[in-house]
C-alpha atoms as a PDB file:
ATOM      1  CA  UNK A   1    -142.212  85.978  27.205  1.00  0.00           C
ATOM      2  CA  UNK A   2    -141.580  82.794  25.238  1.00  0.00           C
ATOM      3  CA  UNK A   3    -142.418  79.393  26.700  1.00  0.00           C
ATOM      4  CA  UNK A   4    -138.718  78.473  26.750  1.00  0.00           C
ATOM      5  CA  UNK A   5    -137.871  81.671  28.647  1.00  0.00           C
ATOM      6  CA  UNK A   6    -140.650  81.066  31.160  1.00  0.00           C
ATOM      7  CA  UNK A   7    -139.473  77.483  31.716  1.00  0.00           C
ATOM      8  CA  UNK A   8    -135.878  78.643  32.234  1.00  0.00           C
ATOM      9  CA  UNK A   9    -136.956  81.195  34.860  1.00  0.00           C
ATOM     10  CA  UNK A  10    -139.008  78.493  36.619  1.00  0.00           C
ATOM     11  CA  UNK A  11    -135.954  76.225  36.830  1.00  0.00           C
ATOM     12  CA  UNK A  12    -133.779  79.065  38.141  1.00  0.00           C
ATOM     13  CA  UNK A  13    -136.356  79.825  40.842  1.00  0.00           C
ATOM     14  CA  UNK A  14    -136.448  76.136  41.819  1.00  0.00           C
ATOM     15  CA  UNK A  15    -132.668  76.137  42.209  1.00  0.00           C
ATOM     16  CA  UNK A  16    -132.788  79.345  44.264  1.00  0.00           C
ATOM     17  CA  UNK A  17    -135.483  77.916  46.540  1.00  0.00           C
ATOM     18  CA  UNK A  18    -133.482  74.710  46.963  1.00  0.00           C
ATOM     19  CA  UNK A  19    -130.461  76.747  48.029  1.00  0.00           C
ATOM     20  CA  UNK A  20    -132.462  78.874  50.497  1.00  0.00           C
ATOM     21  CA  UNK A  21    -134.242  75.830  51.961  1.00  0.00           C
ATOM     22  CA  UNK A  22    -130.913  74.066  52.433  1.00  0.00           C
ATOM     23  CA  UNK A  23    -129.386  77.126  54.104  1.00  0.00           C
ATOM     24  CA  UNK A  24    -132.314  77.287  56.556  1.00  0.00           C
ATOM     25  CA  UNK A  25    -131.898  73.632  57.502  1.00  0.00           C
ATOM     26  CA  UNK A  26    -128.142  74.074  57.731  1.00  0.00           C
ATOM     27  CA  UNK A  27    -128.598  76.999  60.131  1.00  0.00           C
ATOM     28  CA  UNK A  28    -131.085  75.082  62.285  1.00  0.00           C
ATOM     29  CA  UNK A  29    -128.765  72.101  62.587  1.00  0.00           C
ATOM     30  CA  UNK A  30    -125.804  74.312  63.482  1.00  0.00           C
ATOM     31  CA  UNK A  31    -127.182  74.822  67.003  1.00  0.00           C
ATOM     32  CA  UNK A  32    -127.721  71.067  67.320  1.00  0.00           C
ATOM     33  CA  UNK A  33    -124.118  70.452  66.297  1.00  0.00           C
ATOM     34  CA  UNK A  34    -122.826  72.998  68.809  1.00  0.00           C
ATOM     35  CA  UNK A  35    -124.808  71.399  71.627  1.00  0.00           C
ATOM     36  CA  UNK A  36    -123.737  67.912  70.567  1.00  0.00           C
ATOM     37  CA  UNK A  37    -120.097  68.921  70.588  1.00  0.00           C
ATOM     38  CA  UNK A  38    -120.480  70.168  74.162  1.00  0.00           C
ATOM     39  CA  UNK A  39    -122.442  67.175  75.398  1.00  0.00           C
ATOM     40  CA  UNK A  40    -120.625  64.383  73.621  1.00  0.00           C
ATOM     41  CA  UNK A  41    -117.417  63.061  75.131  1.00  0.00           C
ATOM     42  CA  UNK A  42    -117.116  60.271  72.616  1.00  0.00           C
ATOM     43  CA  UNK A  43    -115.226  61.666  69.639  1.00  0.00           C
ATOM     44  CA  UNK A  44    -114.630  59.470  66.634  1.00  0.00           C
ATOM     45  CA  UNK A  45    -111.320  60.852  65.433  1.00  0.00           C
ATOM     46  CA  UNK A  46    -108.926  59.207  63.058  1.00  0.00           C
ATOM     47  CA  UNK A  47    -107.879  58.534  59.510  1.00  0.00           C
ATOM     48  CA  UNK A  48    -110.251  57.260  56.827  1.00  0.00           C
ATOM     49  CA  UNK A  49    -109.130  54.867  54.088  1.00  0.00           C
ATOM     50  CA  UNK A  50    -111.728  53.475  51.712  1.00  0.00           C
ATOM     51  CA  UNK A  51    -111.425  51.662  48.392  1.00  0.00           C
ATOM     52  CA  UNK A  52    -114.477  51.430  46.131  1.00  0.00           C
ATOM     53  CA  UNK A  53    -114.947  49.728  42.783  1.00  0.00           C
ATOM     54  CA  UNK A  54    -118.225  50.446  41.044  1.00  0.00           C
ATOM     55  CA  UNK A  55    -119.631  50.141  37.564  1.00  0.00           C
ATOM     56  CA  UNK A  56    -122.674  50.528  35.345  1.00  0.00           C
ATOM     57  CA  UNK A  57    -123.666  48.434  32.354  1.00  0.00           C
ATOM     58  CA  UNK A  58    -126.332  49.095  29.720  1.00  0.00           C
ATOM     59  CA  UNK A  59    -126.849  48.778  25.968  1.00  0.00           C
ATOM     60  CA  UNK A  60    -124.225  51.475  25.355  1.00  0.00           C
ATOM     61  CA  UNK A  61    -121.452  49.624  27.176  1.00  0.00           C
ATOM     62  CA  UNK A  62    -119.784  49.582  30.569  1.00  0.00           C
ATOM     63  CA  UNK A  63    -118.370  52.440  32.632  1.00  0.00           C
ATOM     64  CA  UNK A  64    -116.317  51.268  35.630  1.00  0.00           C
ATOM     65  CA  UNK A  65    -114.669  53.377  38.315  1.00  0.00           C
ATOM     66  CA  UNK A  66    -112.000  52.608  40.907  1.00  0.00           C
ATOM     67  CA  UNK A  67    -112.093  55.233  43.648  1.00  0.00           C
ATOM     68  CA  UNK A  68    -109.455  55.439  46.378  1.00  0.00           C
ATOM     69  CA  UNK A  69    -110.333  57.787  49.251  1.00  0.00           C
ATOM     70  CA  UNK A  70    -108.205  58.989  52.153  1.00  0.00           C
ATOM     71  CA  UNK A  71    -109.439  61.383  54.803  1.00  0.00           C
ATOM     72  CA  UNK A  72    -109.659  62.371  58.435  1.00  0.00           C
ATOM     73  CA  UNK A  73    -112.548  62.516  60.913  1.00  0.00           C
ATOM     74  CA  UNK A  74    -112.001  65.372  63.360  1.00  0.00           C
ATOM     75  CA  UNK A  75    -114.895  64.032  65.451  1.00  0.00           C
ATOM     76  CA  UNK A  76    -118.222  62.322  64.807  1.00  0.00           C
ATOM     77  CA  UNK A  77    -119.590  65.472  63.150  1.00  0.00           C
ATOM     78  CA  UNK A  78    -116.832  66.841  60.923  1.00  0.00           C
ATOM     79  CA  UNK A  79    -114.544  65.183  58.401  1.00  0.00           C
ATOM     80  CA  UNK A  80    -112.617  65.705  55.184  1.00  0.00           C
ATOM     81  CA  UNK A  81    -111.799  63.304  52.343  1.00  0.00           C
ATOM     82  CA  UNK A  82    -109.691  63.416  49.190  1.00  0.00           C
ATOM     83  CA  UNK A  83    -109.309  61.035  46.291  1.00  0.00           C
ATOM     84  CA  UNK A  84    -108.742  60.436  42.591  1.00  0.00           C
ATOM     85  CA  UNK A  85    -111.001  58.114  40.558  1.00  0.00           C
ATOM     86  CA  UNK A  86    -109.774  55.912  37.725  1.00  0.00           C
ATOM     87  CA  UNK A  87    -112.179  55.055  34.894  1.00  0.00           C
ATOM     88  CA  UNK A  88    -112.463  52.030  32.616  1.00  0.00           C
ATOM     89  CA  UNK A  89    -114.837  52.550  29.670  1.00  0.00           C
ATOM     90  CA  UNK A  90    -115.879  49.829  27.248  1.00  0.00           C
ATOM     91  CA  UNK A  91    -118.427  50.509  24.512  1.00  0.00           C
ATOM     92  CA  UNK A  92    -120.832  47.748  23.569  1.00  0.00           C
ATOM     93  CA  UNK A  93    -120.400  46.101  20.126  1.00  0.00           C
ATOM     94  CA  UNK A  94    -124.091  46.877  19.620  1.00  0.00           C
ATOM     95  CA  UNK A  95    -123.680  50.491  20.681  1.00  0.00           C
ATOM     96  CA  UNK A  96    -125.135  53.004  18.236  1.00  0.00           C
ATOM     97  CA  UNK A  97    -122.819  55.808  19.307  1.00  0.00           C
ATOM     98  CA  UNK A  98    -120.631  57.246  16.576  1.00  0.00           C
ATOM     99  CA  UNK A  99    -116.917  56.585  16.874  1.00  0.00           C
ATOM    100  CA  UNK A 100    -117.446  54.570  20.041  1.00  0.00           C
ATOM    101  CA  UNK A 101    -114.270  53.373  21.693  1.00  0.00           C
ATOM    102  CA  UNK A 102    -112.675  51.926  24.812  1.00  0.00           C
ATOM    103  CA  UNK A 103    -110.362  53.898  27.066  1.00  0.00           C
ATOM    104  CA  UNK A 104    -108.986  54.139  30.592  1.00  0.00           C
ATOM    105  CA  UNK A 105    -107.693  57.039  32.654  1.00  0.00           C
ATOM    106  CA  UNK A 106    -107.898  59.134  35.795  1.00  0.00           C
ATOM    107  CA  UNK A 107    -110.832  61.422  36.476  1.00  0.00           C
ATOM    108  CA  UNK A 108    -110.959  64.652  38.454  1.00  0.00           C
ATOM    109  CA  UNK A 109    -109.218  64.733  41.824  1.00  0.00           C
ATOM    110  CA  UNK A 110    -111.647  65.767  44.553  1.00  0.00           C
ATOM    111  CA  UNK A 111    -111.929  66.987  48.142  1.00  0.00           C
ATOM    112  CA  UNK A 112    -115.017  66.446  50.346  1.00  0.00           C
ATOM    113  CA  UNK A 113    -115.973  68.464  53.411  1.00  0.00           C
ATOM    114  CA  UNK A 114    -118.477  66.551  55.559  1.00  0.00           C
ATOM    115  CA  UNK A 115    -120.903  67.543  58.311  1.00  0.00           C
ATOM    116  CA  UNK A 116    -122.956  64.816  60.022  1.00  0.00           C
ATOM    117  CA  UNK A 117    -125.634  65.328  62.678  1.00  0.00           C
ATOM    118  CA  UNK A 118    -127.564  62.478  64.290  1.00  0.00           C
ATOM    119  CA  UNK A 119    -130.773  63.421  66.074  1.00  0.00           C
ATOM    120  CA  UNK A 120    -133.826  61.494  67.348  1.00  0.00           C
ATOM    121  CA  UNK A 121    -136.048  63.604  65.086  1.00  0.00           C
ATOM    122  CA  UNK A 122    -133.989  63.521  61.892  1.00  0.00           C
ATOM    123  CA  UNK A 123    -130.463  62.693  60.783  1.00  0.00           C
ATOM    124  CA  UNK A 124    -128.654  65.164  58.561  1.00  0.00           C
ATOM    125  CA  UNK A 125    -125.487  64.994  56.471  1.00  0.00           C
ATOM    126  CA  UNK A 126    -124.096  67.768  54.302  1.00  0.00           C
ATOM    127  CA  UNK A 127    -121.218  67.205  51.883  1.00  0.00           C
ATOM    128  CA  UNK A 128    -119.469  69.848  49.792  1.00  0.00           C
ATOM    129  CA  UNK A 129    -117.337  68.345  47.029  1.00  0.00           C
ATOM    130  CA  UNK A 130    -114.848  70.286  44.940  1.00  0.00           C
ATOM    131  CA  UNK A 131    -112.918  68.845  42.004  1.00  0.00           C
ATOM    132  CA  UNK A 132    -109.807  69.863  40.083  1.00  0.00           C
ATOM    133  CA  UNK A 133    -109.607  69.203  36.309  1.00  0.00           C
ATOM    134  CA  UNK A 134    -107.017  66.414  36.432  1.00  0.00           C
ATOM    135  CA  UNK A 135    -108.881  64.180  33.975  1.00  0.00           C
ATOM    136  CA  UNK A 136    -108.466  64.181  30.198  1.00  0.00           C
ATOM    137  CA  UNK A 137    -111.116  66.108  28.257  1.00  0.00           C
ATOM    138  CA  UNK A 138    -110.357  64.071  25.106  1.00  0.00           C
ATOM    139  CA  UNK A 139    -111.701  60.945  26.827  1.00  0.00           C
ATOM    140  CA  UNK A 140    -114.579  62.731  28.556  1.00  0.00           C
ATOM    141  CA  UNK A 141    -113.166  62.178  32.045  1.00  0.00           C
ATOM    142  CA  UNK A 142    -113.117  65.935  32.696  1.00  0.00           C
ATOM    143  CA  UNK A 143    -114.575  69.169  31.360  1.00  0.00           C
ATOM    144  CA  UNK A 144    -111.291  70.982  31.915  1.00  0.00           C
ATOM    145  CA  UNK A 145    -112.899  73.118  34.604  1.00  0.00           C
ATOM    146  CA  UNK A 146    -113.153  72.930  38.386  1.00  0.00           C
ATOM    147  CA  UNK A 147    -116.558  71.781  39.661  1.00  0.00           C
ATOM    148  CA  UNK A 148    -118.540  71.687  42.896  1.00  0.00           C
ATOM    149  CA  UNK A 149    -121.445  69.635  44.239  1.00  0.00           C
ATOM    150  CA  UNK A 150    -123.238  70.438  47.502  1.00  0.00           C
ATOM    151  CA  UNK A 151    -125.367  67.510  48.733  1.00  0.00           C
ATOM    152  CA  UNK A 152    -127.722  67.548  51.716  1.00  0.00           C
ATOM    153  CA  UNK A 153    -129.104  64.262  53.002  1.00  0.00           C
ATOM    154  CA  UNK A 154    -131.913  63.680  55.530  1.00  0.00           C
ATOM    155  CA  UNK A 155    -133.322  60.455  56.941  1.00  0.00           C
ATOM    156  CA  UNK A 156    -135.276  58.999  59.846  1.00  0.00           C
ATOM    157  CA  UNK A 157    -135.649  55.350  60.817  1.00  0.00           C
ATOM    158  CA  UNK A 158    -139.014  53.803  61.637  1.00  0.00           C
ATOM    159  CA  UNK A 159    -138.358  50.253  62.790  1.00  0.00           C
ATOM    160  CA  UNK A 160    -136.763  48.591  59.736  1.00  0.00           C
ATOM    161  CA  UNK A 161    -137.646  51.323  57.230  1.00  0.00           C
ATOM    162  CA  UNK A 162    -135.580  54.471  56.708  1.00  0.00           C
ATOM    163  CA  UNK A 163    -137.135  57.092  54.394  1.00  0.00           C
ATOM    164  CA  UNK A 164    -134.616  59.584  53.045  1.00  0.00           C
ATOM    165  CA  UNK A 165    -134.322  62.696  50.908  1.00  0.00           C
ATOM    166  CA  UNK A 166    -131.283  64.119  49.164  1.00  0.00           C
ATOM    167  CA  UNK A 167    -131.126  67.539  47.551  1.00  0.00           C
ATOM    168  CA  UNK A 168    -128.304  69.607  46.215  1.00  0.00           C
ATOM    169  CA  UNK A 169    -126.868  72.206  43.873  1.00  0.00           C
ATOM    170  CA  UNK A 170    -123.893  71.689  41.551  1.00  0.00           C
ATOM    171  CA  UNK A 171    -122.248  72.834  38.333  1.00  0.00           C
ATOM    172  CA  UNK A 172    -121.905  69.254  37.113  1.00  0.00           C
ATOM    173  CA  UNK A 173    -123.973  66.054  37.047  1.00  0.00           C
ATOM    174  CA  UNK A 174    -122.094  63.715  39.390  1.00  0.00           C
ATOM    175  CA  UNK A 175    -121.918  59.926  39.434  1.00  0.00           C
ATOM    176  CA  UNK A 176    -124.159  58.139  41.906  1.00  0.00           C
ATOM    177  CA  UNK A 177    -123.807  54.721  43.512  1.00  0.00           C
ATOM    178  CA  UNK A 178    -126.339  53.304  41.023  1.00  0.00           C
ATOM    179  CA  UNK A 179    -125.273  55.179  37.857  1.00  0.00           C
ATOM    180  CA  UNK A 180    -121.644  55.746  36.846  1.00  0.00           C
ATOM    181  CA  UNK A 181    -122.425  58.212  34.097  1.00  0.00           C
ATOM    182  CA  UNK A 182    -121.168  57.845  30.494  1.00  0.00           C
ATOM    183  CA  UNK A 183    -120.460  61.572  30.328  1.00  0.00           C
ATOM    184  CA  UNK A 184    -119.091  64.538  32.259  1.00  0.00           C
ATOM    185  CA  UNK A 185    -121.027  67.795  32.295  1.00  0.00           C
ATOM    186  CA  UNK A 186    -120.485  71.471  33.032  1.00  0.00           C
ATOM    187  CA  UNK A 187    -123.430  73.713  33.892  1.00  0.00           C
ATOM    188  CA  UNK A 188    -125.644  74.680  36.819  1.00  0.00           C
ATOM    189  CA  UNK A 189    -128.004  71.942  38.028  1.00  0.00           C
ATOM    190  CA  UNK A 190    -130.131  71.123  41.043  1.00  0.00           C
ATOM    191  CA  UNK A 191    -130.709  67.484  41.900  1.00  0.00           C
ATOM    192  CA  UNK A 192    -133.282  65.725  44.046  1.00  0.00           C
ATOM    193  CA  UNK A 193    -133.719  62.172  45.291  1.00  0.00           C
ATOM    194  CA  UNK A 194    -136.287  60.600  47.577  1.00  0.00           C
ATOM    195  CA  UNK A 195    -136.766  57.014  48.646  1.00  0.00           C
ATOM    196  CA  UNK A 196    -136.400  54.497  51.438  1.00  0.00           C
ATOM    197  CA  UNK A 197    -134.092  51.758  52.682  1.00  0.00           C
ATOM    198  CA  UNK A 198    -135.472  48.582  54.216  1.00  0.00           C
ATOM    199  CA  UNK A 199    -133.283  46.564  56.583  1.00  0.00           C
ATOM    200  CA  UNK A 200    -133.936  42.840  56.184  1.00  0.00           C
ATOM    201  CA  UNK A 201    -131.309  41.880  58.743  1.00  0.00           C
ATOM    202  CA  UNK A 202    -128.166  43.323  60.223  1.00  0.00           C
ATOM    203  CA  UNK A 203    -126.185  42.636  57.055  1.00  0.00           C
ATOM    204  CA  UNK A 204    -128.905  42.625  54.367  1.00  0.00           C
ATOM    205  CA  UNK A 205    -130.954  45.488  52.990  1.00  0.00           C
ATOM    206  CA  UNK A 206    -132.766  46.812  49.958  1.00  0.00           C
ATOM    207  CA  UNK A 207    -133.954  50.193  48.791  1.00  0.00           C
ATOM    208  CA  UNK A 208    -135.703  52.191  46.096  1.00  0.00           C
ATOM    209  CA  UNK A 209    -135.755  55.849  45.089  1.00  0.00           C
ATOM    210  CA  UNK A 210    -136.883  58.345  42.475  1.00  0.00           C
ATOM    211  CA  UNK A 211    -134.605  61.141  41.288  1.00  0.00           C
ATOM    212  CA  UNK A 212    -134.549  64.257  39.117  1.00  0.00           C
ATOM    213  CA  UNK A 213    -131.770  66.418  37.686  1.00  0.00           C
ATOM    214  CA  UNK A 214    -132.954  69.948  36.792  1.00  0.00           C
ATOM    215  CA  UNK A 215    -130.386  71.987  34.838  1.00  0.00           C
ATOM    216  CA  UNK A 216    -130.421  75.731  34.263  1.00  0.00           C
ATOM    217  CA  UNK A 217    -128.692  77.744  31.549  1.00  0.00           C
ATOM    218  CA  UNK A 218    -126.027  76.558  29.139  1.00  0.00           C
ATOM    219  CA  UNK A 219    -124.802  72.986  29.515  1.00  0.00           C
ATOM    220  CA  UNK A 220    -121.692  71.340  28.084  1.00  0.00           C
ATOM    221  CA  UNK A 221    -121.540  67.547  27.744  1.00  0.00           C
ATOM    222  CA  UNK A 222    -118.304  65.558  27.294  1.00  0.00           C
ATOM    223  CA  UNK A 223    -118.935  61.959  26.241  1.00  0.00           C
ATOM    224  CA  UNK A 224    -116.880  59.137  27.758  1.00  0.00           C
ATOM    225  CA  UNK A 225    -118.050  56.850  24.948  1.00  0.00           C
ATOM    226  CA  UNK A 226    -116.619  58.900  22.073  1.00  0.00           C
ATOM    227  CA  UNK A 227    -113.069  60.227  21.990  1.00  0.00           C
ATOM    228  CA  UNK A 228    -112.300  63.691  20.641  1.00  0.00           C
ATOM    229  CA  UNK A 229    -110.427  62.376  17.590  1.00  0.00           C
ATOM    230  CA  UNK A 230    -113.205  59.887  16.813  1.00  0.00           C
ATOM    231  CA  UNK A 231    -115.960  62.482  16.702  1.00  0.00           C
ATOM    232  CA  UNK A 232    -118.051  62.697  13.542  1.00  0.00           C
ATOM    233  CA  UNK A 233    -119.970  65.958  14.013  1.00  0.00           C
ATOM    234  CA  UNK A 234    -123.194  66.750  12.272  1.00  0.00           C
ATOM    235  CA  UNK A 235    -124.260  63.145  11.732  1.00  0.00           C
ATOM    236  CA  UNK A 236    -126.335  60.684  13.693  1.00  0.00           C
ATOM    237  CA  UNK A 237    -126.808  56.982  13.202  1.00  0.00           C
ATOM    238  CA  UNK A 238    -130.262  55.962  12.016  1.00  0.00           C
ATOM    239  CA  UNK A 239    -130.623  52.363  13.071  1.00  0.00           C
ATOM    240  CA  UNK A 240    -134.012  50.640  13.056  1.00  0.00           C
ATOM    241  CA  UNK A 241    -135.222  49.965  16.585  1.00  0.00           C
ATOM    242  CA  UNK A 242    -133.008  52.618  18.197  1.00  0.00           C
ATOM    243  CA  UNK A 243    -134.221  54.353  21.368  1.00  0.00           C
ATOM    244  CA  UNK A 244    -136.438  57.409  21.024  1.00  0.00           C
ATOM    245  CA  UNK A 245    -134.624  59.576  23.593  1.00  0.00           C
ATOM    246  CA  UNK A 246    -130.894  59.467  22.954  1.00  0.00           C
ATOM    247  CA  UNK A 247    -128.445  61.485  25.006  1.00  0.00           C
ATOM    248  CA  UNK A 248    -126.061  63.964  23.407  1.00  0.00           C
ATOM    249  CA  UNK A 249    -123.190  61.807  24.691  1.00  0.00           C
ATOM    250  CA  UNK A 250    -124.226  59.056  22.254  1.00  0.00           C
ATOM    251  CA  UNK A 251    -123.623  61.052  19.068  1.00  0.00           C
ATOM    252  CA  UNK A 252    -120.805  63.555  19.716  1.00  0.00           C
ATOM    253  CA  UNK A 253    -117.787  63.935  21.964  1.00  0.00           C
ATOM    254  CA  UNK A 254    -118.630  67.521  22.993  1.00  0.00           C
ATOM    255  CA  UNK A 255    -122.088  69.074  22.842  1.00  0.00           C
ATOM    256  CA  UNK A 256    -122.990  72.610  23.937  1.00  0.00           C
ATOM    257  CA  UNK A 257    -126.602  73.642  24.295  1.00  0.00           C
ATOM    258  CA  UNK A 258    -129.529  74.405  26.560  1.00  0.00           C
ATOM    259  CA  UNK A 259    -130.740  72.881  29.797  1.00  0.00           C
ATOM    260  CA  UNK A 260    -132.297  69.807  28.174  1.00  0.00           C
ATOM    261  CA  UNK A 261    -128.835  68.383  27.430  1.00  0.00           C
ATOM    262  CA  UNK A 262    -128.256  67.488  31.099  1.00  0.00           C
ATOM    263  CA  UNK A 263    -131.848  66.996  32.219  1.00  0.00           C
ATOM    264  CA  UNK A 264    -132.700  63.572  33.646  1.00  0.00           C
ATOM    265  CA  UNK A 265    -135.250  61.839  35.824  1.00  0.00           C
ATOM    266  CA  UNK A 266    -135.997  58.271  36.756  1.00  0.00           C
ATOM    267  CA  UNK A 267    -135.958  55.720  39.523  1.00  0.00           C
ATOM    268  CA  UNK A 268    -133.664  53.091  40.977  1.00  0.00           C
ATOM    269  CA  UNK A 269    -133.656  50.020  43.205  1.00  0.00           C
ATOM    270  CA  UNK A 270    -130.823  48.199  44.934  1.00  0.00           C
ATOM    271  CA  UNK A 271    -129.874  45.311  47.182  1.00  0.00           C
ATOM    272  CA  UNK A 272    -126.954  45.590  49.589  1.00  0.00           C
ATOM    273  CA  UNK A 273    -125.095  43.130  51.768  1.00  0.00           C
ATOM    274  CA  UNK A 274    -122.419  43.718  54.411  1.00  0.00           C
ATOM    275  CA  UNK A 275    -120.870  40.301  55.101  1.00  0.00           C
ATOM    276  CA  UNK A 276    -118.131  41.914  57.204  1.00  0.00           C
ATOM    277  CA  UNK A 277    -117.582  45.318  58.774  1.00  0.00           C
ATOM    278  CA  UNK A 278    -114.863  46.099  56.269  1.00  0.00           C
ATOM    279  CA  UNK A 279    -116.833  44.966  53.192  1.00  0.00           C
ATOM    280  CA  UNK A 280    -119.814  46.603  51.436  1.00  0.00           C
ATOM    281  CA  UNK A 281    -121.530  44.993  48.435  1.00  0.00           C
ATOM    282  CA  UNK A 282    -124.380  46.368  46.349  1.00  0.00           C
ATOM    283  CA  UNK A 283    -126.308  45.437  43.214  1.00  0.00           C
ATOM    284  CA  UNK A 284    -128.596  48.026  41.641  1.00  0.00           C
ATOM    285  CA  UNK A 285    -130.883  48.931  38.775  1.00  0.00           C
ATOM    286  CA  UNK A 286    -131.519  52.393  37.359  1.00  0.00           C
ATOM    287  CA  UNK A 287    -134.163  53.456  34.862  1.00  0.00           C
ATOM    288  CA  UNK A 288    -133.513  56.813  33.214  1.00  0.00           C
ATOM    289  CA  UNK A 289    -136.877  57.957  31.899  1.00  0.00           C
ATOM    290  CA  UNK A 290    -135.364  60.926  30.074  1.00  0.00           C
ATOM    291  CA  UNK A 291    -132.780  58.825  28.201  1.00  0.00           C
ATOM    292  CA  UNK A 292    -135.013  55.714  28.003  1.00  0.00           C
ATOM    293  CA  UNK A 293    -132.028  53.776  29.359  1.00  0.00           C
ATOM    294  CA  UNK A 294    -131.920  50.733  31.654  1.00  0.00           C
ATOM    295  CA  UNK A 295    -128.696  50.399  33.643  1.00  0.00           C
ATOM    296  CA  UNK A 296    -127.483  47.676  35.990  1.00  0.00           C
ATOM    297  CA  UNK A 297    -124.822  48.541  38.540  1.00  0.00           C
ATOM    298  CA  UNK A 298    -122.573  47.043  41.185  1.00  0.00           C
ATOM    299  CA  UNK A 299    -120.427  48.406  44.009  1.00  0.00           C
ATOM    300  CA  UNK A 300    -117.701  46.733  46.056  1.00  0.00           C
ATOM    301  CA  UNK A 301    -116.281  48.779  48.930  1.00  0.00           C
ATOM    302  CA  UNK A 302    -113.486  48.074  51.399  1.00  0.00           C
ATOM    303  CA  UNK A 303    -112.956  49.940  54.667  1.00  0.00           C
ATOM    304  CA  UNK A 304    -109.175  49.620  54.643  1.00  0.00           C
ATOM    305  CA  UNK A 305    -108.689  51.308  58.009  1.00  0.00           C
ATOM    306  CA  UNK A 306    -111.007  48.874  59.784  1.00  0.00           C
ATOM    307  CA  UNK A 307    -109.505  45.949  57.903  1.00  0.00           C
ATOM    308  CA  UNK A 308    -106.014  46.919  59.034  1.00  0.00           C
ATOM    309  CA  UNK A 309    -107.044  47.549  62.648  1.00  0.00           C
ATOM    310  CA  UNK A 310    -109.242  44.490  63.144  1.00  0.00           C
ATOM    311  CA  UNK A 311    -107.392  42.069  60.933  1.00  0.00           C
ATOM    312  CA  UNK A 312    -110.476  41.327  58.835  1.00  0.00           C
ATOM    313  CA  UNK A 313    -112.862  40.359  61.626  1.00  0.00           C
ATOM    314  CA  UNK A 314    -116.509  40.016  60.595  1.00  0.00           C
ATOM    315  CA  UNK A 315    -119.679  40.954  62.433  1.00  0.00           C
ATOM    316  CA  UNK A 316    -119.750  39.440  65.913  1.00  0.00           C
END
């Protein structure tokens, strides 16, 4: 067996083990949820309205996203959300991508199914996200195919420190709160994140984490930095001082290839502030080791339901 074939089988086994491990934890927490539903008389039902504006900036340019979410909490354990993101992409004048451009447009409409379990031993949240291909493939806002992403989050608080782990399986590499990605992908991946949050005060906090994206099989990358009509296939800019590890999204609008196209790993750090119960602010930094890319990010979030109900009251 070739080295490439052996490596591919290893990745597939890692994804399978991730899925089985998640299913075991999901089954174990199911009994906890059932008991909690019987014991708890305090149900947190109601509509969810949340507006989030986030963006990432690096040497390639800026990718911004406005995300409007509406949903419903059936109780404190189960909920559903739906939304449609809108992207604003601006390539840097110093960008070395070919045919780089600026464009705006909607992304893929999505639906989230949420399960949340709080427990003295460990807190657990599972989210299954499905998307419809409502975005434009010519701008890289969609692959033209439906996608899914199953995330499973665990944490436990020790005084002011909350270690956490996040693992999942998907057929796309999704945006995160610290990296609004300059591409959209299609292909099987598993993703892992581990880190900790530190609460400085009731409204101030900071955190750090390491992450890895492990793809398997064929991957298809749609660049948000290069439009379909601007593509110049078969060429690559050779600029002195350019980065050693460039992503496929920097040189072509669409790239089809092996697992390495979507592979990524790195670390991140962030600072968050909640000056009011309806307002979330965050500044972050992400270092992609695989792409040798430094990215700075921001997030501004508004809890519109709370703002409407409380008239904008801040923390008491």
